[in-house]
Amino acid sequence: MARATKAHKARLLNAAFRLLARQTEVADAARQLEDQFALSRRQAYRYLEQAATLNAPVAAVESTVAITFKLPVSMVRALRAYARRSGLTLGQIVTQALASFLGAFHRRRG
């Protein structure tokens, strides 16, 4: 079975969080998660354990897709160095940069 995407995991954690917030008995909550998301009992309990440590629902995460493109070697070195210093992934850095670029582009176009 494939691993859950970050978006799917966020949905599962939030569903578990809501069940616990409504003070649903853990066994009942596990059964509901099993039925709603086709999880094993063990998986359902793991999500409930994780949700029990949360103070609030997790932020919704948009699904991602892999993309391949070529960049100059110097830019890749600079990106990797920035990633090490910042603790961000290359994907996070590129996503932030493109969001900023596209936001400015849309503002210019009106």
Protein backbone atom coordinates (compact mmCIF):
# COMPACT_ATOMS: atom_id res chain seq x y z
CA MET A 1 0.00 0.00 0.00
CA ALA A 2 1.29 3.47 -0.88
CA ARG A 3 2.11 5.96 1.84
CA ALA A 4 -0.38 8.73 2.52
CA THR A 5 0.36 12.08 0.92
CA LYS A 6 0.83 15.07 3.20
CA ALA A 7 -2.59 16.35 2.13
CA HIS A 8 -4.25 13.01 2.94
CA LYS A 9 -2.43 12.76 6.26
CA ALA A 10 -3.64 16.27 7.17
CA ARG A 11 -7.24 15.23 6.39
CA LEU A 12 -6.86 12.10 8.53
CA LEU A 13 -5.31 13.97 11.45
CA ASN A 14 -8.00 16.64 11.31
CA ALA A 15 -10.76 14.02 11.24
CA ALA A 16 -9.17 12.33 14.26
CA PHE A 17 -8.76 15.71 15.99
CA ARG A 18 -12.46 16.53 15.45
CA LEU A 19 -13.53 13.17 16.85
CA LEU A 20 -11.41 13.66 19.96
CA ALA A 21 -12.58 17.27 20.33
CA ARG A 22 -16.18 15.98 20.40
CA GLN A 23 -15.04 13.65 23.19
CA THR A 24 -15.82 10.55 21.14
CA GLU A 25 -14.64 7.41 22.91
CA VAL A 26 -11.29 6.35 21.44
CA ALA A 27 -12.54 2.92 20.37
CA ASP A 28 -15.55 4.50 18.62
CA ALA A 29 -13.33 7.13 17.01
CA ALA A 30 -11.01 4.41 15.72
CA ARG A 31 -13.94 2.53 14.19
CA GLN A 32 -15.21 5.71 12.54
CA LEU A 33 -11.78 6.44 11.05
CA GLU A 34 -11.50 2.84 9.85
CA ASP A 35 -14.85 3.08 8.08
CA GLN A 36 -14.48 6.59 6.69
CA PHE A 37 -10.91 6.26 5.41
CA ALA A 38 -10.55 2.48 4.91
CA LEU A 39 -7.80 2.27 7.54
CA SER A 40 -6.66 -0.67 9.58
CA ARG A 41 -7.41 -0.51 13.29
CA ARG A 42 -3.70 0.03 14.00
CA GLN A 43 -3.54 2.95 11.54
CA ALA A 44 -6.67 4.52 13.04
CA TYR A 45 -5.20 4.36 16.54
CA ARG A 46 -1.91 5.88 15.32
CA TYR A 47 -3.76 8.85 13.83
CA LEU A 48 -5.76 9.26 17.04
CA GLU A 49 -2.54 9.19 19.10
CA GLN A 50 -1.00 11.86 16.88
CA ALA A 51 -4.18 13.97 16.94
CA ALA A 52 -4.27 13.79 20.75
CA THR A 53 -1.00 15.75 20.85
CA LEU A 54 -2.37 18.60 18.72
CA ASN A 55 -3.62 21.88 20.15
CA ALA A 56 -5.50 22.73 16.94
CA PRO A 57 -6.24 21.13 13.57
CA VAL A 58 -3.27 20.98 11.22
CA ALA A 59 -3.15 23.35 8.27
CA ALA A 60 -4.53 21.95 5.05
CA VAL A 61 -1.73 21.01 2.70
CA GLU A 62 -2.12 21.22 -1.04
CA SER A 63 -1.13 18.10 -2.94
CA THR A 64 2.18 18.33 -4.77
CA VAL A 65 3.48 16.93 -8.02
CA ALA A 66 7.07 16.19 -9.02
CA ILE A 67 8.50 18.35 -11.78
CA THR A 68 11.91 18.24 -13.43
CA PHE A 69 13.75 21.21 -14.89
CA LYS A 70 17.32 22.28 -15.50
CA LEU A 71 19.07 25.11 -13.66
CA PRO A 72 22.60 26.47 -13.87
CA VAL A 73 25.03 24.63 -11.58
CA SER A 74 25.81 27.83 -9.67
CA MET A 75 22.12 28.36 -8.89
CA VAL A 76 21.72 24.79 -7.66
CA ARG A 77 24.74 25.23 -5.37
CA ALA A 78 23.28 28.47 -4.02
CA LEU A 79 19.87 26.84 -3.49
CA ARG A 80 21.38 23.89 -1.65
CA ALA A 81 23.47 26.17 0.55
CA TYR A 82 20.40 28.26 1.36
CA ALA A 83 18.43 25.10 2.12
CA ARG A 84 21.10 23.93 4.59
CA ARG A 85 21.20 27.32 6.33
CA SER A 86 17.45 27.84 6.45
CA GLY A 87 16.36 24.29 7.22
CA LEU A 88 13.93 24.43 4.29
CA THR A 89 13.69 21.89 1.50
CA LEU A 90 14.49 22.81 -2.09
CA GLY A 91 10.80 22.34 -2.87
CA GLN A 92 9.79 24.79 -0.14
CA ILE A 93 12.29 27.39 -1.35
CA VAL A 94 11.23 27.10 -4.99
CA THR A 95 7.54 27.16 -4.04
CA GLN A 96 8.00 30.36 -2.00
CA ALA A 97 10.03 32.00 -4.76
CA LEU A 98 7.52 31.09 -7.47
CA ALA A 99 4.57 32.20 -5.34
CA SER A 100 6.26 35.56 -4.84
CA PHE A 101 7.08 35.87 -8.54
CA LEU A 102 3.59 34.89 -9.66
CA GLY A 103 1.98 37.23 -7.12
CA ALA A 104 4.04 40.15 -8.45
CA PHE A 105 3.25 39.09 -12.03
CA HIS A 106 -0.49 39.07 -11.36
CA ARG A 107 -0.34 42.45 -9.58
CA ARG A 108 1.42 44.00 -12.61
CA ARG A 109 -1.15 42.59 -15.00
CA GLY A 110 -3.99 43.96 -12.87
